[in-house]
Amino acid sequence: MANQKKVRVTLVRSMLGYPEHQRKTVRALGLKKMHQTVEVSDTVAVRGMVAKVSHLLKMEEVN
């Protein structure tokens, strides 16, 4: 567990004009503001969340 992989997720587009469920997904990833970056665990659930709102995010793997 100490060597768990992480991904860095950045909100690059505004959530204005997108459905509420997409806004909630972005918020659940820990993103509140434009250009904010968070590091989250690289799990299947997180990958699915990122895939659902990939048009709003930039994702990169962290070593």
N, C-alpha and C. Protein backbone atom coordinates (compact mmCIF):
# COMPACT_ATOMS: atom_id res chain seq x y z
N MET A 1 0.80 -1.19 0.00
CA MET A 1 0.00 0.00 0.00
C MET A 1 0.85 1.27 0.00
N ALA A 2 2.04 1.21 0.59
CA ALA A 2 2.88 2.40 0.66
C ALA A 2 3.34 2.85 -0.72
N ASN A 3 3.35 1.94 -1.68
CA ASN A 3 3.82 2.26 -3.02
C ASN A 3 2.67 2.30 -4.01
N GLN A 4 1.52 2.82 -3.58
CA GLN A 4 0.34 2.85 -4.42
C GLN A 4 0.49 3.93 -5.50
N LYS A 5 0.07 3.61 -6.71
CA LYS A 5 0.19 4.56 -7.81
C LYS A 5 -0.82 5.69 -7.66
N LYS A 6 -0.44 6.84 -8.20
CA LYS A 6 -1.29 8.03 -8.15
C LYS A 6 -1.42 8.59 -9.57
N VAL A 7 -2.48 9.35 -9.76
CA VAL A 7 -2.66 10.11 -10.99
C VAL A 7 -2.91 11.57 -10.62
N ARG A 8 -2.39 12.46 -11.45
CA ARG A 8 -2.58 13.88 -11.23
C ARG A 8 -3.68 14.35 -12.19
N VAL A 9 -4.72 14.94 -11.64
CA VAL A 9 -5.88 15.37 -12.41
C VAL A 9 -6.02 16.88 -12.29
N THR A 10 -6.18 17.55 -13.44
CA THR A 10 -6.31 19.01 -13.48
C THR A 10 -7.59 19.38 -14.21
N LEU A 11 -8.33 20.31 -13.64
CA LEU A 11 -9.55 20.81 -14.28
C LEU A 11 -9.13 21.90 -15.28
N VAL A 12 -9.31 21.64 -16.56
CA VAL A 12 -8.85 22.58 -17.59
C VAL A 12 -9.99 23.30 -18.30
N ARG A 13 -11.23 22.87 -18.11
CA ARG A 13 -12.38 23.55 -18.71
C ARG A 13 -13.42 23.83 -17.63
N SER A 14 -14.18 24.88 -17.85
CA SER A 14 -15.20 25.27 -16.90
C SER A 14 -16.35 24.26 -16.89
N MET A 15 -16.97 24.10 -15.75
CA MET A 15 -18.10 23.18 -15.62
C MET A 15 -19.42 23.85 -15.97
N LEU A 16 -19.40 25.15 -16.27
CA LEU A 16 -20.63 25.86 -16.62
C LEU A 16 -21.23 25.29 -17.89
N GLY A 17 -22.52 25.06 -17.86
CA GLY A 17 -23.21 24.56 -19.03
C GLY A 17 -23.23 23.06 -19.16
N TYR A 18 -22.59 22.35 -18.23
CA TYR A 18 -22.59 20.88 -18.27
C TYR A 18 -23.59 20.34 -17.26
N PRO A 19 -24.08 19.13 -17.46
CA PRO A 19 -25.09 18.56 -16.57
C PRO A 19 -24.60 18.44 -15.12
N GLU A 20 -25.55 18.42 -14.22
CA GLU A 20 -25.25 18.35 -12.79
C GLU A 20 -24.45 17.10 -12.43
N HIS A 21 -24.74 15.95 -13.07
CA HIS A 21 -24.02 14.73 -12.70
C HIS A 21 -22.54 14.83 -13.08
N GLN A 22 -22.21 15.58 -14.13
CA GLN A 22 -20.81 15.78 -14.48
C GLN A 22 -20.13 16.72 -13.49
N ARG A 23 -20.84 17.74 -13.04
CA ARG A 23 -20.28 18.65 -12.03
C ARG A 23 -20.01 17.91 -10.73
N LYS A 24 -20.93 17.02 -10.36
CA LYS A 24 -20.75 16.25 -9.13
C LYS A 24 -19.57 15.29 -9.24
N THR A 25 -19.35 14.75 -10.42
CA THR A 25 -18.21 13.85 -10.63
C THR A 25 -16.90 14.60 -10.47
N VAL A 26 -16.81 15.78 -11.06
CA VAL A 26 -15.61 16.61 -10.92
C VAL A 26 -15.39 16.99 -9.46
N ARG A 27 -16.46 17.34 -8.79
CA ARG A 27 -16.36 17.70 -7.37
C ARG A 27 -15.92 16.52 -6.52
N ALA A 28 -16.38 15.31 -6.85
CA ALA A 28 -16.01 14.10 -6.11
C ALA A 28 -14.52 13.77 -6.29
N LEU A 29 -13.94 14.21 -7.38
CA LEU A 29 -12.50 14.03 -7.59
C LEU A 29 -11.68 15.02 -6.75
N GLY A 30 -12.35 15.99 -6.15
CA GLY A 30 -11.67 16.95 -5.29
C GLY A 30 -11.34 18.25 -5.99
N LEU A 31 -11.92 18.48 -7.16
CA LEU A 31 -11.63 19.68 -7.92
C LEU A 31 -12.74 20.71 -7.73
N LYS A 32 -12.35 21.94 -7.37
CA LYS A 32 -13.32 23.00 -7.13
C LYS A 32 -13.17 24.15 -8.12
N LYS A 33 -11.94 24.46 -8.50
CA LYS A 33 -11.67 25.64 -9.31
C LYS A 33 -10.95 25.26 -10.60
N MET A 34 -11.01 26.15 -11.56
CA MET A 34 -10.29 25.97 -12.81
C MET A 34 -8.79 25.91 -12.53
N HIS A 35 -8.09 25.05 -13.25
CA HIS A 35 -6.63 24.88 -13.18
C HIS A 35 -6.15 24.35 -11.83
N GLN A 36 -7.06 23.85 -11.03
CA GLN A 36 -6.69 23.21 -9.77
C GLN A 36 -6.23 21.79 -10.09
N THR A 37 -5.19 21.34 -9.40
CA THR A 37 -4.64 20.00 -9.62
C THR A 37 -4.70 19.23 -8.31
N VAL A 38 -5.11 17.96 -8.40
CA VAL A 38 -5.12 17.07 -7.25
C VAL A 38 -4.47 15.75 -7.65
N GLU A 39 -3.89 15.08 -6.67
CA GLU A 39 -3.36 13.74 -6.88
C GLU A 39 -4.29 12.76 -6.17
N VAL A 40 -4.79 11.78 -6.92
CA VAL A 40 -5.70 10.78 -6.37
C VAL A 40 -5.15 9.40 -6.66
N SER A 41 -5.60 8.42 -5.91
CA SER A 41 -5.17 7.04 -6.11
C SER A 41 -5.60 6.54 -7.49
N ASP A 42 -4.76 5.74 -8.09
CA ASP A 42 -5.05 5.19 -9.41
C ASP A 42 -5.86 3.90 -9.24
N THR A 43 -7.18 4.06 -9.12
CA THR A 43 -8.07 2.92 -8.96
C THR A 43 -9.02 2.85 -10.14
N VAL A 44 -9.72 1.74 -10.24
CA VAL A 44 -10.69 1.56 -11.32
C VAL A 44 -11.80 2.60 -11.21
N ALA A 45 -12.23 2.88 -9.99
CA ALA A 45 -13.30 3.86 -9.79
C ALA A 45 -12.88 5.25 -10.24
N VAL A 46 -11.68 5.65 -9.89
CA VAL A 46 -11.18 6.97 -10.28
C VAL A 46 -11.01 7.04 -11.78
N ARG A 47 -10.49 5.97 -12.39
CA ARG A 47 -10.33 5.95 -13.85
C ARG A 47 -11.69 6.10 -14.54
N GLY A 48 -12.72 5.47 -13.99
CA GLY A 48 -14.06 5.59 -14.55
C GLY A 48 -14.60 7.00 -14.44
N MET A 49 -14.35 7.64 -13.29
CA MET A 49 -14.80 9.01 -13.09
C MET A 49 -14.11 9.95 -14.07
N VAL A 50 -12.81 9.76 -14.25
CA VAL A 50 -12.05 10.59 -15.18
C VAL A 50 -12.54 10.37 -16.61
N ALA A 51 -12.87 9.14 -16.95
CA ALA A 51 -13.36 8.84 -18.30
C ALA A 51 -14.69 9.53 -18.57
N LYS A 52 -15.55 9.64 -17.56
CA LYS A 52 -16.85 10.26 -17.73
C LYS A 52 -16.77 11.76 -18.01
N VAL A 53 -15.74 12.41 -17.47
CA VAL A 53 -15.60 13.85 -17.66
C VAL A 53 -14.25 14.20 -18.29
N SER A 54 -13.76 13.33 -19.14
CA SER A 54 -12.44 13.52 -19.75
C SER A 54 -12.36 14.79 -20.59
N HIS A 55 -13.49 15.29 -21.08
CA HIS A 55 -13.50 16.51 -21.87
C HIS A 55 -13.25 17.76 -21.01
N LEU A 56 -13.29 17.61 -19.68
CA LEU A 56 -13.06 18.73 -18.78
C LEU A 56 -11.71 18.66 -18.09
N LEU A 57 -11.05 17.50 -18.15
CA LEU A 57 -9.86 17.25 -17.34
C LEU A 57 -8.63 16.96 -18.17
N LYS A 58 -7.48 17.09 -17.51
CA LYS A 58 -6.21 16.61 -18.03
C LYS A 58 -5.67 15.65 -16.98
N MET A 59 -5.27 14.46 -17.38
CA MET A 59 -4.79 13.47 -16.43
C MET A 59 -3.39 13.03 -16.82
N GLU A 60 -2.52 12.88 -15.81
CA GLU A 60 -1.17 12.35 -16.04
C GLU A 60 -0.81 11.43 -14.88
N GLU A 61 -0.06 10.40 -15.19
CA GLU A 61 0.34 9.44 -14.16
C GLU A 61 1.55 9.99 -13.41
N VAL A 62 1.59 9.72 -12.11
CA VAL A 62 2.68 10.16 -11.25
C VAL A 62 3.45 8.92 -10.80
N ASN A 63 4.76 9.00 -10.84
CA ASN A 63 5.58 7.86 -10.41
C ASN A 63 5.82 7.88 -8.92
